[in-house]
Amino acid sequence: MNTLLSTLLEKTTTDTWVDELTGALRKLITPILALLAAAGVIYAIVVGIRFVKADDKSARDEAKQKLITVIIGIGVTLVLIALFLWLSSALTKDGALSGWYQDLTGKDISL
């Protein structure tokens, strides 16, 4: 596996294809995750209004459970956004994880 990966990586400069890949993923995934977070916030507002307006205890408990679930979902989405942005920047040539190529192949990618 290491030999195959090393052979593939020798044909292109690592900083080029990694930067292109992370750039494309950022352009695609970041807006999708932002839309999901926005939809979650809107849904949380709607559920919060239902919780406040609930007349009986069962409707209030149901709205409360939905609100807890939405808040957890928004938190997970925000953590995923932060993790994705950190990983995509860390994999670039000057990022925190840029030494993985040198560890794998023994070659320096600095230009």
PDB file of N, CA and C in Angstrom:
ATOM      1  N   MET A   1       0.824  -1.190   0.000  1.00  0.00           N
ATOM      2  CA  MET A   1       0.000   0.000   0.000  1.00  0.00           C
ATOM      3  C   MET A   1       0.867   1.253   0.000  1.00  0.00           C
ATOM      4  N   ASN A   2       1.915   1.250   0.846  1.00  0.00           N
ATOM      5  CA  ASN A   2       2.799   2.409   0.885  1.00  0.00           C
ATOM      6  C   ASN A   2       3.512   2.618  -0.436  1.00  0.00           C
ATOM      7  N   THR A   3       3.893   1.531  -1.104  1.00  0.00           N
ATOM      8  CA  THR A   3       4.569   1.649  -2.388  1.00  0.00           C
ATOM      9  C   THR A   3       3.642   2.241  -3.430  1.00  0.00           C
ATOM     10  N   LEU A   4       2.398   1.771  -3.467  1.00  0.00           N
ATOM     11  CA  LEU A   4       1.424   2.299  -4.424  1.00  0.00           C
ATOM     12  C   LEU A   4       1.173   3.776  -4.169  1.00  0.00           C
ATOM     13  N   LEU A   5       0.985   4.144  -2.927  1.00  0.00           N
ATOM     14  CA  LEU A   5       0.735   5.538  -2.589  1.00  0.00           C
ATOM     15  C   LEU A   5       1.948   6.394  -2.910  1.00  0.00           C
ATOM     16  N   SER A   6       3.129   5.886  -2.618  1.00  0.00           N
ATOM     17  CA  SER A   6       4.350   6.627  -2.921  1.00  0.00           C
ATOM     18  C   SER A   6       4.505   6.837  -4.416  1.00  0.00           C
ATOM     19  N   THR A   7       4.206   5.815  -5.206  1.00  0.00           N
ATOM     20  CA  THR A   7       4.302   5.927  -6.665  1.00  0.00           C
ATOM     21  C   THR A   7       3.331   6.962  -7.192  1.00  0.00           C
ATOM     22  N   LEU A   8       2.116   6.944  -6.690  1.00  0.00           N
ATOM     23  CA  LEU A   8       1.126   7.925  -7.127  1.00  0.00           C
ATOM     24  C   LEU A   8       1.526   9.337  -6.736  1.00  0.00           C
ATOM     25  N   LEU A   9       2.089   9.486  -5.563  1.00  0.00           N
ATOM     26  CA  LEU A   9       2.454  10.807  -5.082  1.00  0.00           C
ATOM     27  C   LEU A   9       3.706  11.350  -5.742  1.00  0.00           C
ATOM     28  N   GLU A  10       4.571  10.495  -6.256  1.00  0.00           N
ATOM     29  CA  GLU A  10       5.781  10.947  -6.928  1.00  0.00           C
ATOM     30  C   GLU A  10       5.456  11.638  -8.243  1.00  0.00           C
ATOM     31  N   LYS A  11       4.352  11.275  -8.881  1.00  0.00           N
ATOM     32  CA  LYS A  11       4.032  11.811 -10.202  1.00  0.00           C
ATOM     33  C   LYS A  11       3.498  13.238 -10.149  1.00  0.00           C
ATOM     34  N   THR A  12       3.008  13.664  -9.011  1.00  0.00           N
ATOM     35  CA  THR A  12       2.535  15.040  -8.857  1.00  0.00           C
ATOM     36  C   THR A  12       3.128  15.605  -7.588  1.00  0.00           C
ATOM     37  N   THR A  13       3.165  16.909  -7.525  1.00  0.00           N
ATOM     38  CA  THR A  13       3.636  17.495  -6.283  1.00  0.00           C
ATOM     39  C   THR A  13       2.518  17.406  -5.270  1.00  0.00           C
ATOM     40  N   THR A  14       2.869  17.040  -4.073  1.00  0.00           N
ATOM     41  CA  THR A  14       1.884  16.797  -3.029  1.00  0.00           C
ATOM     42  C   THR A  14       1.100  18.053  -2.703  1.00  0.00           C
ATOM     43  N   ASP A  15       1.793  19.168  -2.629  1.00  0.00           N
ATOM     44  CA  ASP A  15       1.078  20.377  -2.246  1.00  0.00           C
ATOM     45  C   ASP A  15       0.035  20.758  -3.288  1.00  0.00           C
ATOM     46  N   THR A  16       0.243  20.412  -4.543  1.00  0.00           N
ATOM     47  CA  THR A  16      -0.718  20.756  -5.589  1.00  0.00           C
ATOM     48  C   THR A  16      -1.991  19.944  -5.451  1.00  0.00           C
ATOM     49  N   TRP A  17      -1.898  18.621  -5.425  1.00  0.00           N
ATOM     50  CA  TRP A  17      -3.127  17.826  -5.407  1.00  0.00           C
ATOM     51  C   TRP A  17      -3.831  17.893  -4.067  1.00  0.00           C
ATOM     52  N   VAL A  18      -3.097  18.017  -2.973  1.00  0.00           N
ATOM     53  CA  VAL A  18      -3.745  18.137  -1.671  1.00  0.00           C
ATOM     54  C   VAL A  18      -4.463  19.479  -1.572  1.00  0.00           C
ATOM     55  N   ASP A  19      -3.810  20.548  -2.026  1.00  0.00           N
ATOM     56  CA  ASP A  19      -4.449  21.862  -2.007  1.00  0.00           C
ATOM     57  C   ASP A  19      -5.683  21.897  -2.896  1.00  0.00           C
ATOM     58  N   GLU A  20      -5.591  21.255  -4.074  1.00  0.00           N
ATOM     59  CA  GLU A  20      -6.745  21.214  -4.966  1.00  0.00           C
ATOM     60  C   GLU A  20      -7.897  20.423  -4.353  1.00  0.00           C
ATOM     61  N   LEU A  21      -7.569  19.298  -3.742  1.00  0.00           N
ATOM     62  CA  LEU A  21      -8.597  18.461  -3.128  1.00  0.00           C
ATOM     63  C   LEU A  21      -9.249  19.165  -1.949  1.00  0.00           C
ATOM     64  N   THR A  22      -8.443  19.721  -1.055  1.00  0.00           N
ATOM     65  CA  THR A  22      -9.029  20.401   0.108  1.00  0.00           C
ATOM     66  C   THR A  22      -9.790  21.649  -0.312  1.00  0.00           C
ATOM     67  N   GLY A  23      -9.315  22.337  -1.328  1.00  0.00           N
ATOM     68  CA  GLY A  23     -10.041  23.513  -1.829  1.00  0.00           C
ATOM     69  C   GLY A  23     -11.390  23.133  -2.401  1.00  0.00           C
ATOM     70  N   ALA A  24     -11.424  22.059  -3.176  1.00  0.00           N
ATOM     71  CA  ALA A  24     -12.695  21.596  -3.746  1.00  0.00           C
ATOM     72  C   ALA A  24     -13.651  21.125  -2.659  1.00  0.00           C
ATOM     73  N   LEU A  25     -13.124  20.393  -1.679  1.00  0.00           N
ATOM     74  CA  LEU A  25     -13.977  19.938  -0.580  1.00  0.00           C
ATOM     75  C   LEU A  25     -14.503  21.106   0.240  1.00  0.00           C
ATOM     76  N   ARG A  26     -13.665  22.109   0.463  1.00  0.00           N
ATOM     77  CA  ARG A  26     -14.130  23.294   1.193  1.00  0.00           C
ATOM     78  C   ARG A  26     -15.256  23.983   0.449  1.00  0.00           C
ATOM     79  N   LYS A  27     -15.088  24.113  -0.866  1.00  0.00           N
ATOM     80  CA  LYS A  27     -16.123  24.779  -1.668  1.00  0.00           C
ATOM     81  C   LYS A  27     -17.428  23.997  -1.665  1.00  0.00           C
ATOM     82  N   LEU A  28     -17.353  22.703  -1.549  1.00  0.00           N
ATOM     83  CA  LEU A  28     -18.540  21.861  -1.603  1.00  0.00           C
ATOM     84  C   LEU A  28     -19.161  21.636  -0.229  1.00  0.00           C
ATOM     85  N   ILE A  29     -18.369  21.230   0.725  1.00  0.00           N
ATOM     86  CA  ILE A  29     -18.905  20.789   2.011  1.00  0.00           C
ATOM     87  C   ILE A  29     -19.232  21.943   2.958  1.00  0.00           C
ATOM     88  N   THR A  30     -18.419  22.985   2.976  1.00  0.00           N
ATOM     89  CA  THR A  30     -18.646  24.077   3.919  1.00  0.00           C
ATOM     90  C   THR A  30     -20.019  24.728   3.740  1.00  0.00           C
ATOM     91  N   PRO A  31     -20.446  25.075   2.520  1.00  0.00           N
ATOM     92  CA  PRO A  31     -21.790  25.659   2.387  1.00  0.00           C
ATOM     93  C   PRO A  31     -22.901  24.677   2.767  1.00  0.00           C
ATOM     94  N   ILE A  32     -22.698  23.400   2.474  1.00  0.00           N
ATOM     95  CA  ILE A  32     -23.716  22.409   2.827  1.00  0.00           C
ATOM     96  C   ILE A  32     -23.857  22.317   4.344  1.00  0.00           C
ATOM     97  N   LEU A  33     -22.737  22.254   5.042  1.00  0.00           N
ATOM     98  CA  LEU A  33     -22.790  22.192   6.501  1.00  0.00           C
ATOM     99  C   LEU A  33     -23.354  23.484   7.095  1.00  0.00           C
ATOM    100  N   ALA A  34     -23.042  24.623   6.481  1.00  0.00           N
ATOM    101  CA  ALA A  34     -23.594  25.895   6.962  1.00  0.00           C
ATOM    102  C   ALA A  34     -25.108  25.928   6.772  1.00  0.00           C
ATOM    103  N   LEU A  35     -25.598  25.427   5.634  1.00  0.00           N
ATOM    104  CA  LEU A  35     -27.046  25.370   5.406  1.00  0.00           C
ATOM    105  C   LEU A  35     -27.721  24.437   6.400  1.00  0.00           C
ATOM    106  N   LEU A  36     -27.091  23.310   6.690  1.00  0.00           N
ATOM    107  CA  LEU A  36     -27.646  22.398   7.681  1.00  0.00           C
ATOM    108  C   LEU A  36     -27.707  23.042   9.062  1.00  0.00           C
ATOM    109  N   ALA A  37     -26.667  23.773   9.425  1.00  0.00           N
ATOM    110  CA  ALA A  37     -26.671  24.459  10.719  1.00  0.00           C
ATOM    111  C   ALA A  37     -27.756  25.528  10.761  1.00  0.00           C
ATOM    112  N   ALA A  38     -27.922  26.277   9.670  1.00  0.00           N
ATOM    113  CA  ALA A  38     -28.968  27.308   9.619  1.00  0.00           C
ATOM    114  C   ALA A  38     -30.353  26.682   9.704  1.00  0.00           C
ATOM    115  N   ALA A  39     -30.554  25.578   8.991  1.00  0.00           N
ATOM    116  CA  ALA A  39     -31.844  24.883   9.056  1.00  0.00           C
ATOM    117  C   ALA A  39     -32.101  24.369  10.465  1.00  0.00           C
ATOM    118  N   GLY A  40     -31.080  23.899  11.126  1.00  0.00           N
ATOM    119  CA  GLY A  40     -31.224  23.438  12.505  1.00  0.00           C
ATOM    120  C   GLY A  40     -31.607  24.558  13.446  1.00  0.00           C
ATOM    121  N   VAL A  41     -31.017  25.731  13.249  1.00  0.00           N
ATOM    122  CA  VAL A  41     -31.353  26.879  14.090  1.00  0.00           C
ATOM    123  C   VAL A  41     -32.804  27.300  13.861  1.00  0.00           C
ATOM    124  N   ILE A  42     -33.231  27.340  12.610  1.00  0.00           N
ATOM    125  CA  ILE A  42     -34.626  27.690  12.300  1.00  0.00           C
ATOM    126  C   ILE A  42     -35.578  26.672  12.917  1.00  0.00           C
ATOM    127  N   TYR A  43     -35.240  25.396  12.777  1.00  0.00           N
ATOM    128  CA  TYR A  43     -36.088  24.353  13.359  1.00  0.00           C
ATOM    129  C   TYR A  43     -36.115  24.461  14.886  1.00  0.00           C
ATOM    130  N   ALA A  44     -34.984  24.807  15.488  1.00  0.00           N
ATOM    131  CA  ALA A  44     -34.941  24.976  16.943  1.00  0.00           C
ATOM    132  C   ALA A  44     -35.851  26.119  17.385  1.00  0.00           C
ATOM    133  N   ILE A  45     -35.897  27.184  16.616  1.00  0.00           N
ATOM    134  CA  ILE A  45     -36.794  28.302  16.935  1.00  0.00           C
ATOM    135  C   ILE A  45     -38.242  27.857  16.851  1.00  0.00           C
ATOM    136  N   VAL A  46     -38.586  27.112  15.790  1.00  0.00           N
ATOM    137  CA  VAL A  46     -39.957  26.625  15.624  1.00  0.00           C
ATOM    138  C   VAL A  46     -40.346  25.698  16.776  1.00  0.00           C
ATOM    139  N   VAL A  47     -39.465  24.781  17.125  1.00  0.00           N
ATOM    140  CA  VAL A  47     -39.743  23.855  18.225  1.00  0.00           C
ATOM    141  C   VAL A  47     -39.822  24.608  19.550  1.00  0.00           C
ATOM    142  N   GLY A  48     -38.981  25.621  19.732  1.00  0.00           N
ATOM    143  CA  GLY A  48     -39.033  26.426  20.945  1.00  0.00           C
ATOM    144  C   GLY A  48     -40.361  27.152  21.083  1.00  0.00           C
ATOM    145  N   ILE A  49     -40.873  27.663  19.978  1.00  0.00           N
ATOM    146  CA  ILE A  49     -42.189  28.317  19.997  1.00  0.00           C
ATOM    147  C   ILE A  49     -43.276  27.302  20.334  1.00  0.00           C
ATOM    148  N   ARG A  50     -43.196  26.114  19.757  1.00  0.00           N
ATOM    149  CA  ARG A  50     -44.162  25.061  20.085  1.00  0.00           C
ATOM    150  C   ARG A  50     -44.083  24.672  21.558  1.00  0.00           C
ATOM    151  N   PHE A  51     -42.873  24.661  22.092  1.00  0.00           N
ATOM    152  CA  PHE A  51     -42.686  24.327  23.507  1.00  0.00           C
ATOM    153  C   PHE A  51     -43.361  25.370  24.406  1.00  0.00           C
ATOM    154  N   VAL A  52     -43.186  26.630  24.060  1.00  0.00           N
ATOM    155  CA  VAL A  52     -43.768  27.701  24.862  1.00  0.00           C
ATOM    156  C   VAL A  52     -45.293  27.710  24.756  1.00  0.00           C
ATOM    157  N   LYS A  53     -45.803  27.418  23.562  1.00  0.00           N
ATOM    158  CA  LYS A  53     -47.245  27.463  23.333  1.00  0.00           C
ATOM    159  C   LYS A  53     -47.976  26.174  23.708  1.00  0.00           C
ATOM    160  N   ALA A  54     -47.257  25.142  24.094  1.00  0.00           N
ATOM    161  CA  ALA A  54     -47.888  23.854  24.401  1.00  0.00           C
ATOM    162  C   ALA A  54     -48.805  23.994  25.614  1.00  0.00           C
ATOM    163  N   ASP A  55     -50.031  23.468  25.466  1.00  0.00           N
ATOM    164  CA  ASP A  55     -51.022  23.580  26.541  1.00  0.00           C
ATOM    165  C   ASP A  55     -50.936  22.416  27.526  1.00  0.00           C
ATOM    166  N   ASP A  56     -50.837  21.218  27.010  1.00  0.00           N
ATOM    167  CA  ASP A  56     -50.815  20.068  27.920  1.00  0.00           C
ATOM    168  C   ASP A  56     -49.388  19.545  28.110  1.00  0.00           C
ATOM    169  N   LYS A  57     -49.239  18.727  29.123  1.00  0.00           N
ATOM    170  CA  LYS A  57     -47.910  18.238  29.513  1.00  0.00           C
ATOM    171  C   LYS A  57     -47.281  17.346  28.446  1.00  0.00           C
ATOM    172  N   SER A  58     -48.067  16.512  27.773  1.00  0.00           N
ATOM    173  CA  SER A  58     -47.490  15.603  26.771  1.00  0.00           C
ATOM    174  C   SER A  58     -46.938  16.379  25.573  1.00  0.00           C
ATOM    175  N   ALA A  59     -47.636  17.417  25.140  1.00  0.00           N
ATOM    176  CA  ALA A  59     -47.143  18.229  24.023  1.00  0.00           C
ATOM    177  C   ALA A  59     -45.873  18.976  24.431  1.00  0.00           C
ATOM    178  N   ARG A  60     -45.834  19.441  25.677  1.00  0.00           N
ATOM    179  CA  ARG A  60     -44.660  20.153  26.182  1.00  0.00           C
ATOM    180  C   ARG A  60     -43.463  19.201  26.291  1.00  0.00           C
ATOM    181  N   ASP A  61     -43.692  17.997  26.774  1.00  0.00           N
ATOM    182  CA  ASP A  61     -42.601  17.014  26.870  1.00  0.00           C
ATOM    183  C   ASP A  61     -42.082  16.620  25.493  1.00  0.00           C
ATOM    184  N   GLU A  62     -42.990  16.464  24.533  1.00  0.00           N
ATOM    185  CA  GLU A  62     -42.577  16.119  23.166  1.00  0.00           C
ATOM    186  C   GLU A  62     -41.749  17.244  22.550  1.00  0.00           C
ATOM    187  N   ALA A  63     -42.199  18.483  22.721  1.00  0.00           N
ATOM    188  CA  ALA A  63     -41.456  19.624  22.194  1.00  0.00           C
ATOM    189  C   ALA A  63     -40.110  19.773  22.897  1.00  0.00           C
ATOM    190  N   LYS A  64     -40.084  19.505  24.193  1.00  0.00           N
ATOM    191  CA  LYS A  64     -38.833  19.581  24.950  1.00  0.00           C
ATOM    192  C   LYS A  64     -37.827  18.562  24.435  1.00  0.00           C
ATOM    193  N   GLN A  65     -38.275  17.345  24.176  1.00  0.00           N
ATOM    194  CA  GLN A  65     -37.382  16.302  23.662  1.00  0.00           C
ATOM    195  C   GLN A  65     -36.860  16.667  22.272  1.00  0.00           C
ATOM    196  N   LYS A  66     -37.730  17.218  21.426  1.00  0.00           N
ATOM    197  CA  LYS A  66     -37.298  17.650  20.087  1.00  0.00           C
ATOM    198  C   LYS A  66     -36.281  18.780  20.192  1.00  0.00           C
ATOM    199  N   LEU A  67     -36.513  19.695  21.113  1.00  0.00           N
ATOM    200  CA  LEU A  67     -35.589  20.819  21.290  1.00  0.00           C
ATOM    201  C   LEU A  67     -34.215  20.333  21.747  1.00  0.00           C
ATOM    202  N   ILE A  68     -34.181  19.383  22.647  1.00  0.00           N
ATOM    203  CA  ILE A  68     -32.910  18.818  23.101  1.00  0.00           C
ATOM    204  C   ILE A  68     -32.188  18.139  21.938  1.00  0.00           C
ATOM    205  N   THR A  69     -32.934  17.394  21.144  1.00  0.00           N
ATOM    206  CA  THR A  69     -32.343  16.715  19.985  1.00  0.00           C
ATOM    207  C   THR A  69     -31.790  17.711  18.974  1.00  0.00           C
ATOM    208  N   VAL A  70     -32.518  18.790  18.715  1.00  0.00           N
ATOM    209  CA  VAL A  70     -32.065  19.808  17.763  1.00  0.00           C
ATOM    210  C   VAL A  70     -30.805  20.494  18.272  1.00  0.00           C
ATOM    211  N   ILE A  71     -30.767  20.815  19.553  1.00  0.00           N
ATOM    212  CA  ILE A  71     -29.584  21.474  20.113  1.00  0.00           C
ATOM    213  C   ILE A  71     -28.360  20.568  20.008  1.00  0.00           C
ATOM    214  N   ILE A  72     -28.532  19.287  20.277  1.00  0.00           N
ATOM    215  CA  ILE A  72     -27.424  18.339  20.117  1.00  0.00           C
ATOM    216  C   ILE A  72     -26.991  18.266  18.651  1.00  0.00           C
ATOM    217  N   GLY A  73     -27.960  18.226  17.741  1.00  0.00           N
ATOM    218  CA  GLY A  73     -27.649  18.184  16.313  1.00  0.00           C
ATOM    219  C   GLY A  73     -26.891  19.408  15.840  1.00  0.00           C
ATOM    220  N   ILE A  74     -27.296  20.586  16.313  1.00  0.00           N
ATOM    221  CA  ILE A  74     -26.593  21.818  15.948  1.00  0.00           C
ATOM    222  C   ILE A  74     -25.169  21.792  16.504  1.00  0.00           C
ATOM    223  N   GLY A  75     -25.017  21.329  17.727  1.00  0.00           N
ATOM    224  CA  GLY A  75     -23.681  21.231  18.319  1.00  0.00           C
ATOM    225  C   GLY A  75     -22.777  20.294  17.541  1.00  0.00           C
ATOM    226  N   VAL A  76     -23.309  19.143  17.152  1.00  0.00           N
ATOM    227  CA  VAL A  76     -22.523  18.187  16.363  1.00  0.00           C
ATOM    228  C   VAL A  76     -22.151  18.792  15.011  1.00  0.00           C
ATOM    229  N   THR A  77     -23.099  19.488  14.377  1.00  0.00           N
ATOM    230  CA  THR A  77     -22.830  20.120  13.081  1.00  0.00           C
ATOM    231  C   THR A  77     -21.730  21.168  13.209  1.00  0.00           C
ATOM    232  N   LEU A  78     -21.771  21.985  14.242  1.00  0.00           N
ATOM    233  CA  LEU A  78     -20.736  23.001  14.429  1.00  0.00           C
ATOM    234  C   LEU A  78     -19.368  22.372  14.699  1.00  0.00           C
ATOM    235  N   VAL A  79     -19.344  21.282  15.454  1.00  0.00           N
ATOM    236  CA  VAL A  79     -18.079  20.577  15.687  1.00  0.00           C
ATOM    237  C   VAL A  79     -17.552  19.991  14.379  1.00  0.00           C
ATOM    238  N   LEU A  80     -18.430  19.442  13.553  1.00  0.00           N
ATOM    239  CA  LEU A  80     -18.005  18.901  12.262  1.00  0.00           C
ATOM    240  C   LEU A  80     -17.457  19.989  11.344  1.00  0.00           C
ATOM    241  N   ILE A  81     -18.098  21.155  11.343  1.00  0.00           N
ATOM    242  CA  ILE A  81     -17.599  22.268  10.528  1.00  0.00           C
ATOM    243  C   ILE A  81     -16.198  22.658  10.988  1.00  0.00           C
ATOM    244  N   ALA A  82     -16.022  22.812  12.296  1.00  0.00           N
ATOM    245  CA  ALA A  82     -14.706  23.192  12.825  1.00  0.00           C
ATOM    246  C   ALA A  82     -13.660  22.124  12.525  1.00  0.00           C
ATOM    247  N   LEU A  83     -14.019  20.858  12.691  1.00  0.00           N
ATOM    248  CA  LEU A  83     -13.092  19.764  12.414  1.00  0.00           C
ATOM    249  C   LEU A  83     -12.719  19.714  10.937  1.00  0.00           C
ATOM    250  N   PHE A  84     -13.696  19.876  10.072  1.00  0.00           N
ATOM    251  CA  PHE A  84     -13.419  19.864   8.639  1.00  0.00           C
ATOM    252  C   PHE A  84     -12.506  21.015   8.241  1.00  0.00           C
ATOM    253  N   LEU A  85     -12.792  22.218   8.740  1.00  0.00           N
ATOM    254  CA  LEU A  85     -11.952  23.364   8.395  1.00  0.00           C
ATOM    255  C   LEU A  85     -10.532  23.188   8.932  1.00  0.00           C
ATOM    256  N   TRP A  86     -10.399  22.633  10.140  1.00  0.00           N
ATOM    257  CA  TRP A  86      -9.070  22.411  10.690  1.00  0.00           C
ATOM    258  C   TRP A  86      -8.314  21.367   9.873  1.00  0.00           C
ATOM    259  N   LEU A  87      -8.985  20.256   9.557  1.00  0.00           N
ATOM    260  CA  LEU A  87      -8.308  19.203   8.793  1.00  0.00           C
ATOM    261  C   LEU A  87      -7.932  19.666   7.395  1.00  0.00           C
ATOM    262  N   SER A  88      -8.820  20.409   6.740  1.00  0.00           N
ATOM    263  CA  SER A  88      -8.505  20.846   5.378  1.00  0.00           C
ATOM    264  C   SER A  88      -7.341  21.826   5.373  1.00  0.00           C
ATOM    265  N   SER A  89      -7.214  22.653   6.400  1.00  0.00           N
ATOM    266  CA  SER A  89      -6.061  23.559   6.449  1.00  0.00           C
ATOM    267  C   SER A  89      -4.810  22.837   6.947  1.00  0.00           C
ATOM    268  N   ALA A  90      -4.977  21.828   7.784  1.00  0.00           N
ATOM    269  CA  ALA A  90      -3.825  21.107   8.321  1.00  0.00           C
ATOM    270  C   ALA A  90      -3.167  20.214   7.280  1.00  0.00           C
ATOM    271  N   LEU A  91      -3.913  19.796   6.267  1.00  0.00           N
ATOM    272  CA  LEU A  91      -3.356  18.909   5.246  1.00  0.00           C
ATOM    273  C   LEU A  91      -2.603  19.651   4.152  1.00  0.00           C
ATOM    274  N   THR A  92      -2.710  20.955   4.094  1.00  0.00           N
ATOM    275  CA  THR A  92      -2.000  21.704   3.071  1.00  0.00           C
ATOM    276  C   THR A  92      -0.501  21.699   3.366  1.00  0.00           C
ATOM    277  N   LYS A  93       0.283  22.216   2.444  1.00  0.00           N
ATOM    278  CA  LYS A  93       1.743  22.133   2.533  1.00  0.00           C
ATOM    279  C   LYS A  93       2.294  22.710   3.828  1.00  0.00           C
ATOM    280  N   ASP A  94       1.756  23.823   4.289  1.00  0.00           N
ATOM    281  CA  ASP A  94       2.273  24.458   5.494  1.00  0.00           C
ATOM    282  C   ASP A  94       1.453  24.115   6.733  1.00  0.00           C
ATOM    283  N   GLY A  95       0.508  23.186   6.593  1.00  0.00           N
ATOM    284  CA  GLY A  95      -0.367  22.847   7.708  1.00  0.00           C
ATOM    285  C   GLY A  95       0.297  21.942   8.737  1.00  0.00           C
ATOM    286  N   ALA A  96      -0.432  21.711   9.809  1.00  0.00           N
ATOM    287  CA  ALA A  96       0.095  20.932  10.932  1.00  0.00           C
ATOM    288  C   ALA A  96       0.368  19.473  10.565  1.00  0.00           C
ATOM    289  N   LEU A  97      -0.358  18.934   9.591  1.00  0.00           N
ATOM    290  CA  LEU A  97      -0.182  17.531   9.219  1.00  0.00           C
ATOM    291  C   LEU A  97       0.624  17.353   7.936  1.00  0.00           C
ATOM    292  N   SER A  98       1.341  18.378   7.518  1.00  0.00           N
ATOM    293  CA  SER A  98       2.058  18.306   6.251  1.00  0.00           C
ATOM    294  C   SER A  98       3.218  17.321   6.269  1.00  0.00           C
ATOM    295  N   GLY A  99       3.666  16.912   7.424  1.00  0.00           N
ATOM    296  CA  GLY A  99       4.783  15.983   7.504  1.00  0.00           C
ATOM    297  C   GLY A  99       4.414  14.548   7.203  1.00  0.00           C
ATOM    298  N   TRP A 100       3.137  14.248   6.982  1.00  0.00           N
ATOM    299  CA  TRP A 100       2.720  12.869   6.721  1.00  0.00           C
ATOM    300  C   TRP A 100       3.367  12.332   5.456  1.00  0.00           C
ATOM    301  N   TYR A 101       3.530  13.159   4.428  1.00  0.00           N
ATOM    302  CA  TYR A 101       4.130  12.697   3.179  1.00  0.00           C
ATOM    303  C   TYR A 101       5.594  12.345   3.390  1.00  0.00           C
ATOM    304  N   GLN A 102       6.301  13.186   4.120  1.00  0.00           N
ATOM    305  CA  GLN A 102       7.712  12.914   4.378  1.00  0.00           C
ATOM    306  C   GLN A 102       7.853  11.666   5.240  1.00  0.00           C
ATOM    307  N   ASP A 103       6.976  11.474   6.203  1.00  0.00           N
ATOM    308  CA  ASP A 103       7.032  10.275   7.021  1.00  0.00           C
ATOM    309  C   ASP A 103       6.766   9.028   6.187  1.00  0.00           C
ATOM    310  N   LEU A 104       5.878   9.143   5.210  1.00  0.00           N
ATOM    311  CA  LEU A 104       5.492   8.012   4.398  1.00  0.00           C
ATOM    312  C   LEU A 104       6.567   7.637   3.373  1.00  0.00           C
ATOM    313  N   THR A 105       7.127   8.649   2.716  1.00  0.00           N
ATOM    314  CA  THR A 105       8.037   8.383   1.611  1.00  0.00           C
ATOM    315  C   THR A 105       9.501   8.686   1.909  1.00  0.00           C
ATOM    316  N   GLY A 106       9.746   9.456   2.968  1.00  0.00           N
ATOM    317  CA  GLY A 106      11.122   9.852   3.255  1.00  0.00           C
ATOM    318  C   GLY A 106      11.587  11.011   2.410  1.00  0.00           C
ATOM    319  N   LYS A 107      10.689  11.625   1.622  1.00  0.00           N
ATOM    320  CA  LYS A 107      11.041  12.744   0.751  1.00  0.00           C
ATOM    321  C   LYS A 107      10.463  14.026   1.309  1.00  0.00           C
ATOM    322  N   ASP A 108      11.183  15.111   1.120  1.00  0.00           N
ATOM    323  CA  ASP A 108      10.721  16.413   1.571  1.00  0.00           C
ATOM    324  C   ASP A 108       9.893  17.057   0.462  1.00  0.00           C
ATOM    325  N   ILE A 109       8.755  17.656   0.823  1.00  0.00           N
ATOM    326  CA  ILE A 109       7.907  18.274  -0.196  1.00  0.00           C
ATOM    327  C   ILE A 109       8.118  19.773  -0.292  1.00  0.00           C
ATOM    328  N   SER A 110       8.975  20.326   0.553  1.00  0.00           N
ATOM    329  CA  SER A 110       9.176  21.776   0.488  1.00  0.00           C
ATOM    330  C   SER A 110       9.873  22.137  -0.801  1.00  0.00           C
ATOM    331  N   LEU A 111       9.443  23.245  -1.357  1.00  0.00           N
ATOM    332  CA  LEU A 111       9.992  23.686  -2.649  1.00  0.00           C
ATOM    333  C   LEU A 111      11.083  24.702  -2.453  1.00  0.00           C
TER     334      LEU A 111
END
